[in-house]
Amino acid sequence: MTTPLPILPGETHLLYGQDQQWEFGAALARALPAGSLLFLEGELGAGKTTLTQGLVAALGFTEPVTSPTYALMNAYPTLAGRVLHVDAYRTRHPAELYEMDLEDLIAGSRLSVIEWGEALYADYPDAPIVRLLHVEGEPDVRRAERMR
């Protein structure tokens, strides 16, 4: 039986500090079945990579997890299987990612996380989308919204 995600479509959760961002990521990792894809959206510095750190750590990876902004893709060998972390921000067209074997990498991963992946939404219509936003006047608080 599949565990429901810790946030339903249309719901918003406030995350207070880095620890709660990690905990939220860990809860997502536990709920997403093998082979899942998760889209993360949000402003620069909103915590997409921090949330991914919690997600990857929950699957048993103990090394540093960094933003794939310049590499475009990072792969983390976790105890549960590979986690693919993609940042599509700098790509001009989704074809660039597909030319890097995105489909095969997703298919062979326990979990794939794509930041800034709006251009890929139609290709993966069942993948949940979570947006992280800064909360004005609260530098350590993030608003997590599930878009679908």
N, C-alpha and C. Protein backbone atom coordinates (compact mmCIF):
# COMPACT_ATOMS: atom_id res chain seq x y z
N MET A 1 0.84 -1.19 0.00
CA MET A 1 0.00 0.00 0.00
C MET A 1 0.88 1.25 0.00
N THR A 2 0.52 2.24 -0.78
CA THR A 2 1.28 3.47 -0.89
C THR A 2 0.88 4.44 0.22
N THR A 3 1.88 5.07 0.82
CA THR A 3 1.64 6.09 1.83
C THR A 3 1.30 7.39 1.12
N PRO A 4 0.25 8.09 1.56
CA PRO A 4 -0.04 9.38 0.90
C PRO A 4 1.07 10.39 1.17
N LEU A 5 1.27 11.29 0.23
CA LEU A 5 2.27 12.34 0.42
C LEU A 5 1.88 13.20 1.61
N PRO A 6 2.87 13.80 2.28
CA PRO A 6 2.57 14.60 3.47
C PRO A 6 1.91 15.94 3.16
N ILE A 7 1.58 16.17 1.90
CA ILE A 7 0.88 17.39 1.49
C ILE A 7 0.02 17.03 0.28
N LEU A 8 -1.23 17.41 0.34
CA LEU A 8 -2.18 17.11 -0.73
C LEU A 8 -2.23 18.24 -1.75
N PRO A 9 -2.67 17.96 -2.98
CA PRO A 9 -2.80 19.04 -3.96
C PRO A 9 -3.65 20.18 -3.40
N GLY A 10 -3.14 21.40 -3.55
CA GLY A 10 -3.84 22.58 -3.06
C GLY A 10 -3.50 22.95 -1.63
N GLU A 11 -2.84 22.07 -0.89
CA GLU A 11 -2.48 22.36 0.51
C GLU A 11 -1.21 23.20 0.59
N THR A 12 -1.10 23.92 1.70
CA THR A 12 0.07 24.72 2.02
C THR A 12 0.53 24.36 3.42
N HIS A 13 1.83 24.19 3.60
CA HIS A 13 2.42 23.95 4.91
C HIS A 13 3.51 24.98 5.14
N LEU A 14 3.62 25.45 6.37
CA LEU A 14 4.73 26.31 6.73
C LEU A 14 5.83 25.45 7.32
N LEU A 15 7.06 25.71 6.88
CA LEU A 15 8.23 24.97 7.35
C LEU A 15 9.12 25.96 8.09
N TYR A 16 9.32 25.72 9.37
CA TYR A 16 10.08 26.62 10.23
C TYR A 16 11.51 26.13 10.36
N GLY A 17 12.40 26.73 9.60
CA GLY A 17 13.82 26.42 9.68
C GLY A 17 14.23 25.24 8.83
N GLN A 18 15.54 25.08 8.74
CA GLN A 18 16.14 24.05 7.91
C GLN A 18 15.73 22.65 8.37
N ASP A 19 15.63 22.43 9.68
CA ASP A 19 15.27 21.10 10.18
C ASP A 19 13.90 20.66 9.67
N GLN A 20 12.92 21.56 9.65
CA GLN A 20 11.60 21.20 9.16
C GLN A 20 11.60 21.00 7.63
N GLN A 21 12.47 21.72 6.93
CA GLN A 21 12.59 21.49 5.48
C GLN A 21 13.15 20.09 5.24
N TRP A 22 14.15 19.70 6.03
CA TRP A 22 14.72 18.35 5.91
C TRP A 22 13.66 17.30 6.27
N GLU A 23 12.93 17.53 7.34
CA GLU A 23 11.90 16.57 7.77
C GLU A 23 10.82 16.42 6.69
N PHE A 24 10.43 17.52 6.08
CA PHE A 24 9.44 17.47 5.01
C PHE A 24 9.98 16.67 3.83
N GLY A 25 11.24 16.91 3.47
CA GLY A 25 11.87 16.14 2.40
C GLY A 25 11.92 14.66 2.73
N ALA A 26 12.25 14.33 3.98
CA ALA A 26 12.30 12.93 4.41
C ALA A 26 10.91 12.29 4.32
N ALA A 27 9.88 13.03 4.71
CA ALA A 27 8.52 12.50 4.63
C ALA A 27 8.12 12.25 3.18
N LEU A 28 8.52 13.13 2.28
CA LEU A 28 8.26 12.92 0.86
C LEU A 28 8.97 11.65 0.37
N ALA A 29 10.22 11.49 0.77
CA ALA A 29 10.99 10.31 0.34
C ALA A 29 10.33 9.02 0.78
N ARG A 30 9.82 9.00 2.00
CA ARG A 30 9.17 7.79 2.52
C ARG A 30 7.85 7.52 1.80
N ALA A 31 7.18 8.55 1.33
CA ALA A 31 5.86 8.39 0.72
C ALA A 31 5.90 8.13 -0.78
N LEU A 32 6.93 8.61 -1.45
CA LEU A 32 7.00 8.46 -2.91
C LEU A 32 7.48 7.05 -3.25
N PRO A 33 6.71 6.32 -4.06
CA PRO A 33 7.12 4.96 -4.42
C PRO A 33 8.34 4.96 -5.34
N ALA A 34 9.00 3.82 -5.40
CA ALA A 34 10.17 3.67 -6.27
C ALA A 34 9.81 4.05 -7.70
N GLY A 35 10.71 4.77 -8.35
CA GLY A 35 10.51 5.20 -9.72
C GLY A 35 9.80 6.54 -9.85
N SER A 36 9.51 7.19 -8.73
CA SER A 36 8.75 8.45 -8.74
C SER A 36 9.60 9.62 -9.22
N LEU A 37 8.88 10.62 -9.70
CA LEU A 37 9.46 11.90 -10.09
C LEU A 37 8.74 12.98 -9.30
N LEU A 38 9.50 13.91 -8.75
CA LEU A 38 8.96 15.04 -7.99
C LEU A 38 9.51 16.32 -8.60
N PHE A 39 8.62 17.25 -8.92
CA PHE A 39 9.04 18.57 -9.37
C PHE A 39 9.08 19.51 -8.18
N LEU A 40 10.17 20.27 -8.05
CA LEU A 40 10.29 21.31 -7.02
C LEU A 40 10.44 22.65 -7.71
N GLU A 41 9.61 23.58 -7.30
CA GLU A 41 9.65 24.93 -7.84
C GLU A 41 9.87 25.90 -6.69
N GLY A 42 10.20 27.12 -7.03
CA GLY A 42 10.32 28.15 -6.00
C GLY A 42 11.39 29.16 -6.34
N GLU A 43 11.36 30.22 -5.58
CA GLU A 43 12.29 31.32 -5.75
C GLU A 43 13.71 30.86 -5.45
N LEU A 44 14.68 31.60 -5.97
CA LEU A 44 16.07 31.32 -5.63
C LEU A 44 16.23 31.40 -4.12
N GLY A 45 16.90 30.43 -3.56
CA GLY A 45 17.16 30.42 -2.12
C GLY A 45 15.98 30.02 -1.26
N ALA A 46 14.92 29.51 -1.87
CA ALA A 46 13.73 29.15 -1.10
C ALA A 46 13.86 27.81 -0.39
N GLY A 47 14.87 27.02 -0.73
CA GLY A 47 15.08 25.77 -0.01
C GLY A 47 14.85 24.50 -0.80
N LYS A 48 14.85 24.59 -2.12
CA LYS A 48 14.65 23.39 -2.94
C LYS A 48 15.76 22.37 -2.70
N THR A 49 16.99 22.83 -2.66
CA THR A 49 18.11 21.91 -2.43
C THR A 49 18.11 21.45 -0.97
N THR A 50 17.75 22.29 -0.05
CA THR A 50 17.67 21.89 1.36
C THR A 50 16.64 20.79 1.54
N LEU A 51 15.49 20.95 0.94
CA LEU A 51 14.46 19.90 0.99
C LEU A 51 14.99 18.61 0.36
N THR A 52 15.70 18.74 -0.75
CA THR A 52 16.26 17.57 -1.41
C THR A 52 17.31 16.89 -0.53
N GLN A 53 18.06 17.65 0.23
CA GLN A 53 19.03 17.07 1.16
C GLN A 53 18.33 16.14 2.16
N GLY A 54 17.21 16.58 2.69
CA GLY A 54 16.46 15.75 3.62
C GLY A 54 15.90 14.51 2.95
N LEU A 55 15.45 14.67 1.74
CA LEU A 55 14.90 13.57 0.96
C LEU A 55 15.97 12.50 0.70
N VAL A 56 17.13 12.93 0.24
CA VAL A 56 18.22 12.01 -0.10
C VAL A 56 18.77 11.35 1.18
N ALA A 57 18.90 12.12 2.24
CA ALA A 57 19.39 11.56 3.51
C ALA A 57 18.45 10.48 4.04
N ALA A 58 17.15 10.69 3.87
CA ALA A 58 16.17 9.70 4.35
C ALA A 58 16.29 8.38 3.60
N LEU A 59 16.85 8.42 2.40
CA LEU A 59 17.03 7.20 1.62
C LEU A 59 18.41 6.57 1.85
N GLY A 60 19.20 7.16 2.77
CA GLY A 60 20.44 6.53 3.18
C GLY A 60 21.72 7.09 2.60
N PHE A 61 21.68 8.26 1.99
CA PHE A 61 22.91 8.88 1.46
C PHE A 61 23.46 9.82 2.51
N THR A 62 24.73 9.66 2.87
CA THR A 62 25.30 10.43 3.98
C THR A 62 26.29 11.50 3.55
N GLU A 63 26.59 11.59 2.26
CA GLU A 63 27.53 12.59 1.76
C GLU A 63 26.80 13.91 1.49
N PRO A 64 27.54 15.00 1.24
CA PRO A 64 26.88 16.28 0.92
C PRO A 64 26.04 16.21 -0.35
N VAL A 65 24.90 16.89 -0.32
CA VAL A 65 24.01 17.03 -1.47
C VAL A 65 24.04 18.50 -1.85
N THR A 66 24.41 18.77 -3.10
CA THR A 66 24.55 20.15 -3.54
C THR A 66 23.62 20.44 -4.71
N SER A 67 23.41 21.71 -4.95
CA SER A 67 22.56 22.12 -6.07
C SER A 67 23.22 21.73 -7.39
N PRO A 68 22.44 21.17 -8.31
CA PRO A 68 23.00 20.83 -9.62
C PRO A 68 22.93 21.98 -10.62
N THR A 69 22.93 23.21 -10.14
CA THR A 69 22.75 24.37 -11.01
C THR A 69 23.71 24.37 -12.18
N TYR A 70 24.98 24.10 -11.95
CA TYR A 70 25.96 24.17 -13.03
C TYR A 70 26.17 22.83 -13.72
N ALA A 71 26.05 21.74 -12.98
CA ALA A 71 26.21 20.41 -13.56
C ALA A 71 24.94 19.97 -14.29
N LEU A 72 23.82 20.57 -13.98
CA LEU A 72 22.48 20.26 -14.46
C LEU A 72 21.90 19.00 -13.82
N MET A 73 22.73 17.98 -13.59
CA MET A 73 22.25 16.74 -12.98
C MET A 73 23.28 16.20 -11.99
N ASN A 74 22.80 15.79 -10.83
CA ASN A 74 23.61 15.07 -9.85
C ASN A 74 22.90 13.76 -9.57
N ALA A 75 23.67 12.70 -9.42
CA ALA A 75 23.10 11.40 -9.06
C ALA A 75 23.69 10.98 -7.73
N TYR A 76 22.82 10.55 -6.81
CA TYR A 76 23.25 10.14 -5.47
C TYR A 76 22.91 8.66 -5.27
N PRO A 77 23.93 7.83 -5.03
CA PRO A 77 23.68 6.41 -4.81
C PRO A 77 23.24 6.17 -3.36
N THR A 78 21.94 6.08 -3.13
CA THR A 78 21.44 5.85 -1.78
C THR A 78 21.28 4.35 -1.54
N LEU A 79 21.05 3.99 -0.29
CA LEU A 79 20.82 2.59 0.05
C LEU A 79 19.58 2.05 -0.65
N ALA A 80 18.62 2.92 -0.95
CA ALA A 80 17.37 2.52 -1.59
C ALA A 80 17.44 2.55 -3.11
N GLY A 81 18.55 3.02 -3.66
CA GLY A 81 18.69 3.18 -5.10
C GLY A 81 19.07 4.61 -5.44
N ARG A 82 19.40 4.84 -6.67
CA ARG A 82 19.88 6.16 -7.10
C ARG A 82 18.78 7.22 -6.98
N VAL A 83 19.18 8.41 -6.52
CA VAL A 83 18.32 9.59 -6.57
C VAL A 83 18.94 10.54 -7.59
N LEU A 84 18.15 10.90 -8.56
CA LEU A 84 18.57 11.84 -9.60
C LEU A 84 18.07 13.22 -9.21
N HIS A 85 18.96 14.21 -9.20
CA HIS A 85 18.62 15.59 -8.85
C HIS A 85 18.97 16.47 -10.04
N VAL A 86 17.96 17.06 -10.65
CA VAL A 86 18.13 17.83 -11.88
C VAL A 86 17.74 19.28 -11.62
N ASP A 87 18.51 20.20 -12.18
CA ASP A 87 18.16 21.62 -12.15
C ASP A 87 18.03 22.08 -13.59
N ALA A 88 16.81 22.35 -14.01
CA ALA A 88 16.54 22.74 -15.40
C ALA A 88 16.57 24.25 -15.61
N TYR A 89 16.99 25.01 -14.60
CA TYR A 89 16.95 26.47 -14.67
C TYR A 89 17.75 27.01 -15.86
N ARG A 90 18.93 26.46 -16.10
CA ARG A 90 19.81 27.00 -17.13
C ARG A 90 19.59 26.39 -18.51
N THR A 91 18.66 25.47 -18.63
CA THR A 91 18.43 24.88 -19.94
C THR A 91 17.51 25.79 -20.77
N ARG A 92 17.79 25.86 -22.05
CA ARG A 92 16.97 26.69 -22.93
C ARG A 92 15.75 25.93 -23.44
N HIS A 93 15.88 24.60 -23.50
CA HIS A 93 14.80 23.77 -24.04
C HIS A 93 14.90 22.39 -23.39
N PRO A 94 13.77 21.74 -23.11
CA PRO A 94 13.82 20.41 -22.49
C PRO A 94 14.64 19.39 -23.29
N ALA A 95 14.77 19.60 -24.60
CA ALA A 95 15.54 18.66 -25.42
C ALA A 95 16.97 18.52 -24.90
N GLU A 96 17.51 19.59 -24.32
CA GLU A 96 18.87 19.52 -23.77
C GLU A 96 18.96 18.43 -22.71
N LEU A 97 17.95 18.33 -21.87
CA LEU A 97 17.96 17.30 -20.82
C LEU A 97 17.73 15.92 -21.41
N TYR A 98 16.84 15.82 -22.38
CA TYR A 98 16.59 14.53 -23.01
C TYR A 98 17.84 14.03 -23.74
N GLU A 99 18.62 14.95 -24.31
CA GLU A 99 19.88 14.58 -24.96
C GLU A 99 20.90 14.04 -23.96
N MET A 100 20.70 14.37 -22.68
CA MET A 100 21.57 13.86 -21.61
C MET A 100 20.98 12.57 -21.01
N ASP A 101 20.07 11.93 -21.74
CA ASP A 101 19.44 10.67 -21.35
C ASP A 101 18.53 10.80 -20.12
N LEU A 102 17.83 11.92 -20.02
CA LEU A 102 16.94 12.14 -18.88
C LEU A 102 15.96 10.99 -18.68
N GLU A 103 15.31 10.56 -19.75
CA GLU A 103 14.29 9.49 -19.62
C GLU A 103 14.88 8.23 -19.02
N ASP A 104 16.04 7.79 -19.52
CA ASP A 104 16.67 6.58 -19.00
C ASP A 104 17.13 6.77 -17.56
N LEU A 105 17.65 7.95 -17.26
CA LEU A 105 18.11 8.21 -15.89
C LEU A 105 16.93 8.18 -14.91
N ILE A 106 15.81 8.77 -15.30
CA ILE A 106 14.62 8.73 -14.45
C ILE A 106 14.14 7.29 -14.28
N ALA A 107 14.10 6.55 -15.40
CA ALA A 107 13.61 5.17 -15.35
C ALA A 107 14.47 4.29 -14.45
N GLY A 108 15.76 4.58 -14.36
CA GLY A 108 16.67 3.77 -13.55
C GLY A 108 16.89 4.28 -12.15
N SER A 109 16.11 5.26 -11.72
CA SER A 109 16.32 5.87 -10.41
C SER A 109 15.23 5.49 -9.42
N ARG A 110 15.58 5.38 -8.18
CA ARG A 110 14.60 5.17 -7.10
C ARG A 110 13.67 6.37 -7.03
N LEU A 111 14.27 7.55 -7.23
CA LEU A 111 13.52 8.80 -7.16
C LEU A 111 14.25 9.84 -7.99
N SER A 112 13.50 10.68 -8.67
CA SER A 112 14.07 11.80 -9.42
C SER A 112 13.42 13.08 -8.93
N VAL A 113 14.24 14.09 -8.72
CA VAL A 113 13.79 15.41 -8.29
C VAL A 113 14.24 16.40 -9.35
N ILE A 114 13.30 17.15 -9.90
CA ILE A 114 13.64 18.14 -10.93
C ILE A 114 13.21 19.52 -10.43
N GLU A 115 14.21 20.40 -10.30
CA GLU A 115 13.95 21.80 -9.97
C GLU A 115 13.76 22.59 -11.26
N TRP A 116 12.86 23.57 -11.22
CA TRP A 116 12.62 24.45 -12.36
C TRP A 116 12.20 23.65 -13.60
N GLY A 117 11.36 22.66 -13.44
CA GLY A 117 11.02 21.76 -14.53
C GLY A 117 9.72 22.04 -15.24
N GLU A 118 9.24 23.28 -15.22
CA GLU A 118 7.95 23.60 -15.82
C GLU A 118 7.80 23.09 -17.25
N ALA A 119 8.86 23.15 -18.02
CA ALA A 119 8.79 22.72 -19.43
C ALA A 119 8.61 21.20 -19.56
N LEU A 120 8.75 20.47 -18.46
CA LEU A 120 8.62 19.01 -18.49
C LEU A 120 7.30 18.52 -17.89
N TYR A 121 6.49 19.41 -17.36
CA TYR A 121 5.24 19.01 -16.69
C TYR A 121 4.37 18.13 -17.56
N ALA A 122 4.20 18.52 -18.81
CA ALA A 122 3.31 17.77 -19.70
C ALA A 122 3.84 16.37 -19.99
N ASP A 123 5.16 16.21 -19.95
CA ASP A 123 5.76 14.90 -20.21
C ASP A 123 5.58 13.94 -19.02
N TYR A 124 5.35 14.48 -17.84
CA TYR A 124 5.20 13.68 -16.63
C TYR A 124 3.97 14.16 -15.86
N PRO A 125 2.78 13.93 -16.42
CA PRO A 125 1.56 14.51 -15.85
C PRO A 125 1.17 13.97 -14.47
N ASP A 126 1.71 12.85 -14.06
CA ASP A 126 1.37 12.29 -12.74
C ASP A 126 2.33 12.72 -11.65
N ALA A 127 3.41 13.40 -12.00
CA ALA A 127 4.41 13.78 -11.01
C ALA A 127 3.91 14.95 -10.16
N PRO A 128 4.02 14.83 -8.84
CA PRO A 128 3.62 15.95 -7.98
C PRO A 128 4.55 17.15 -8.17
N ILE A 129 3.97 18.33 -7.96
CA ILE A 129 4.72 19.58 -8.03
C ILE A 129 4.59 20.26 -6.67
N VAL A 130 5.74 20.56 -6.06
CA VAL A 130 5.76 21.28 -4.79
C VAL A 130 6.53 22.58 -5.00
N ARG A 131 5.92 23.69 -4.61
CA ARG A 131 6.55 25.01 -4.72
C ARG A 131 6.93 25.49 -3.33
N LEU A 132 8.17 25.98 -3.20
CA LEU A 132 8.64 26.57 -1.96
C LEU A 132 8.78 28.07 -2.14
N LEU A 133 8.28 28.81 -1.17
CA LEU A 133 8.32 30.27 -1.24
C LEU A 133 8.83 30.85 0.07
N HIS A 134 9.51 31.98 -0.03
CA HIS A 134 9.90 32.74 1.16
C HIS A 134 8.65 33.32 1.80
N VAL A 135 8.66 33.47 3.11
CA VAL A 135 7.58 34.12 3.83
C VAL A 135 8.10 35.50 4.23
N GLU A 136 7.43 36.54 3.75
CA GLU A 136 7.88 37.90 3.99
C GLU A 136 8.01 38.19 5.49
N GLY A 137 9.14 38.74 5.86
CA GLY A 137 9.39 39.10 7.25
C GLY A 137 9.81 37.93 8.13
N GLU A 138 9.90 36.74 7.56
CA GLU A 138 10.28 35.53 8.31
C GLU A 138 11.40 34.83 7.55
N PRO A 139 12.66 35.24 7.75
CA PRO A 139 13.74 34.71 6.92
C PRO A 139 13.98 33.20 7.03
N ASP A 140 13.56 32.58 8.12
CA ASP A 140 13.78 31.15 8.29
C ASP A 140 12.55 30.29 7.99
N VAL A 141 11.47 30.93 7.55
CA VAL A 141 10.23 30.20 7.29
C VAL A 141 10.00 30.10 5.78
N ARG A 142 9.56 28.89 5.36
CA ARG A 142 9.21 28.69 3.95
C ARG A 142 7.78 28.17 3.87
N ARG A 143 7.10 28.57 2.82
CA ARG A 143 5.76 28.07 2.54
C ARG A 143 5.89 26.99 1.47
N ALA A 144 5.44 25.81 1.77
CA ALA A 144 5.43 24.72 0.80
C ALA A 144 4.00 24.56 0.30
N GLU A 145 3.83 24.64 -1.02
CA GLU A 145 2.51 24.51 -1.65
C GLU A 145 2.57 23.36 -2.65
N ARG A 146 1.60 22.47 -2.56
CA ARG A 146 1.54 21.41 -3.56
C ARG A 146 0.63 21.85 -4.68
N MET A 147 1.19 21.98 -5.88
CA MET A 147 0.45 22.47 -7.02
C MET A 147 -0.38 21.36 -7.68
N ARG A 148 0.17 20.15 -7.72
CA ARG A 148 -0.58 18.99 -8.20
C ARG A 148 -0.01 17.75 -7.56
